Protein backbone atom coordinates (compact mmCIF):
# COMPACT_ATOMS: atom_id res chain seq x y z
CA UNK A 1 0.00 0.01 0.01
CA UNK A 2 1.25 3.51 -0.70
CA UNK A 3 2.34 5.59 2.32
CA UNK A 4 -0.19 8.26 3.29
CA UNK A 5 0.50 11.81 4.36
CA UNK A 6 -2.31 11.93 6.89
CA UNK A 7 -2.23 13.37 10.36
CA UNK A 8 -4.69 14.41 13.01
CA UNK A 9 -3.71 16.88 15.68
CA UNK A 10 -5.81 17.50 18.73
CA UNK A 11 -4.74 20.72 20.39
CA UNK A 12 -4.65 19.35 23.91
CA UNK A 13 -3.12 16.05 22.81
CA UNK A 14 -1.84 14.39 19.65
CA UNK A 15 -4.15 11.69 18.33
CA UNK A 16 -2.74 9.82 15.30
CA UNK A 17 -5.82 8.64 13.43
CA UNK A 18 -6.15 8.28 9.67
CA UNK A 19 -7.57 11.43 8.05
CA UNK A 20 -7.40 10.39 4.43
CA UNK A 21 -4.74 10.56 1.77
CA UNK A 22 -3.04 13.94 1.49
CA UNK A 23 -5.08 15.52 4.28
CA UNK A 24 -4.14 16.98 7.61
CA UNK A 25 -6.90 17.29 10.21
CA UNK A 26 -6.44 19.63 13.19
CA UNK A 27 -9.08 19.62 15.92
CA UNK A 28 -9.24 22.70 18.12
CA UNK A 29 -10.80 22.04 21.49
CA UNK A 30 -13.10 24.95 22.39
CA UNK A 31 -12.12 24.63 26.03
CA UNK A 32 -8.65 25.87 25.00
CA UNK A 33 -9.59 28.15 22.13
CA UNK A 34 -12.87 29.86 23.02
CA UNK A 35 -14.48 31.22 26.17
CA UNK A 36 -17.69 29.43 27.17
CA UNK A 37 -20.55 30.26 24.79
CA UNK A 38 -18.29 32.60 22.77
CA UNK A 39 -16.70 32.71 19.36
CA UNK A 40 -13.86 35.01 20.46
CA UNK A 41 -10.46 33.37 19.99
CA UNK A 42 -8.33 33.15 23.14
CA UNK A 43 -4.63 33.99 23.13
CA UNK A 44 -4.00 30.20 23.21
CA UNK A 45 -6.10 29.81 20.08
CA UNK A 46 -4.09 32.42 18.23
CA UNK A 47 -0.88 30.66 19.31
CA UNK A 48 -2.12 27.30 18.01
CA UNK A 49 -3.38 28.81 14.75
CA UNK A 50 -0.11 30.66 14.23
CA UNK A 51 1.70 27.32 14.48
CA UNK A 52 -0.65 25.78 11.96
CA UNK A 53 -0.21 28.72 9.58
CA UNK A 54 3.55 28.38 9.88
CA UNK A 55 3.28 24.80 8.66
CA UNK A 56 1.02 25.93 5.78
CA UNK A 57 3.61 28.46 4.69
CA UNK A 58 6.13 25.63 4.27
CA UNK A 59 3.69 23.45 2.33
CA UNK A 60 0.75 25.48 1.16
CA UNK A 61 -2.54 23.60 1.05
CA UNK A 62 -4.87 23.99 -1.94
CA UNK A 63 -8.01 23.93 0.19
CA UNK A 64 -8.93 24.37 3.83
CA UNK A 65 -12.26 23.48 5.37
CA UNK A 66 -13.21 24.73 8.81
CA UNK A 67 -16.13 23.11 10.64
CA UNK A 68 -17.48 24.24 13.98
CA UNK A 69 -19.24 21.90 16.40
CA UNK A 70 -20.94 22.35 19.78
CA UNK A 71 -22.31 20.26 22.63
CA UNK A 72 -26.06 19.93 23.09
CA UNK A 73 -26.47 22.18 26.14
CA UNK A 74 -28.33 25.05 24.46
CA UNK A 75 -31.13 24.92 21.85
CA UNK A 76 -30.46 23.77 18.26
CA UNK A 77 -30.60 27.28 16.73
CA UNK A 78 -28.18 28.74 19.27
CA UNK A 79 -25.74 25.84 18.84
CA UNK A 80 -25.90 26.08 15.04
CA UNK A 81 -25.07 29.79 15.09
CA UNK A 82 -22.32 29.34 17.67
CA UNK A 83 -20.68 26.60 15.63
CA UNK A 84 -20.81 28.76 12.51
CA UNK A 85 -19.46 31.82 14.39
CA UNK A 86 -16.53 29.82 15.79
CA UNK A 87 -15.63 28.46 12.35
CA UNK A 88 -15.84 31.99 10.91
CA UNK A 89 -13.63 33.33 13.69
CA UNK A 90 -10.95 30.80 12.81
CA UNK A 91 -11.24 31.67 9.09
CA UNK A 92 -11.05 35.39 9.84
CA UNK A 93 -7.83 34.80 11.78
CA UNK A 94 -6.03 32.51 9.31
CA UNK A 95 -7.27 33.80 5.91
CA UNK A 96 -5.09 36.93 5.78
CA UNK A 97 -2.03 34.78 6.70
CA UNK A 98 -2.47 32.23 3.87
CA UNK A 99 -3.43 34.11 0.74
CA UNK A 100 -4.51 32.27 -2.36
CA UNK A 101 -6.02 29.30 -0.51
CA UNK A 102 -9.68 28.37 -0.80
CA UNK A 103 -11.25 28.31 2.67
CA UNK A 104 -14.70 26.81 3.23
CA UNK A 105 -16.57 27.31 6.51
CA UNK A 106 -19.56 25.53 7.97
CA UNK A 107 -21.18 24.88 11.32
CA UNK A 108 -22.64 21.53 12.37
CA UNK A 109 -24.05 22.68 15.70
CA UNK A 110 -24.62 19.63 17.90
CA UNK A 111 -25.39 17.27 14.96
CA UNK A 112 -22.07 15.39 14.74
CA UNK A 113 -20.96 14.59 18.27
CA UNK A 114 -17.48 13.19 18.79
CA UNK A 115 -18.46 11.61 22.17
CA UNK A 116 -21.51 10.74 24.25
CA UNK A 117 -22.70 13.46 26.54
CA UNK A 118 -24.34 10.98 28.89
CA UNK A 119 -22.71 8.35 31.09
CA UNK A 120 -24.10 4.82 31.27
CA UNK A 121 -25.88 5.68 34.49
CA UNK A 122 -27.67 8.62 32.81
CA UNK A 123 -25.57 11.34 34.47
CA UNK A 124 -24.01 14.11 32.37
CA UNK A 125 -20.65 13.27 30.82
CA UNK A 126 -18.69 16.53 31.00
CA UNK A 127 -15.70 15.05 29.17
CA UNK A 128 -18.03 14.06 26.34
CA UNK A 129 -19.51 17.56 26.15
CA UNK A 130 -16.02 19.06 26.09
CA UNK A 131 -15.01 16.73 23.25
CA UNK A 132 -18.00 17.88 21.23
CA UNK A 133 -17.14 21.59 21.55
CA UNK A 134 -14.57 21.84 18.80
CA UNK A 135 -13.50 23.31 15.46
CA UNK A 136 -12.09 20.88 12.89
CA UNK A 137 -9.70 22.17 10.26
CA UNK A 138 -8.91 19.95 7.26
CA UNK A 139 -6.19 21.07 4.88
CA UNK A 140 -5.53 19.33 1.53
């Protein structure tokens, strides 16, 4: 089989899972990168994005997709808008630093959870909620 150039980077930890041939997937945990219920980037978020942009300058991607996700705490409409606003905030920060790259943005709200928000006993799973609050950046 041909070797793949695929990596996934989770901001709080590195998680090597296949992302697809020629793609790099970076997942930004909102606990690190956004204040609660906010789309404002934290200083840590800017630091992480600057590192990502630095890599893109060495090997410029053709396309970047940025997808925001939320947990299910608020109502669907609020979560959809928050996920879109977070993805747009990331695009607004990186776009001027990587000219000539197509950047697509979308929000998924709470529709594509990465983890269960409920423990087996029915109690809230805070770690699951935190995992669902994220922005996923795929560069190709």
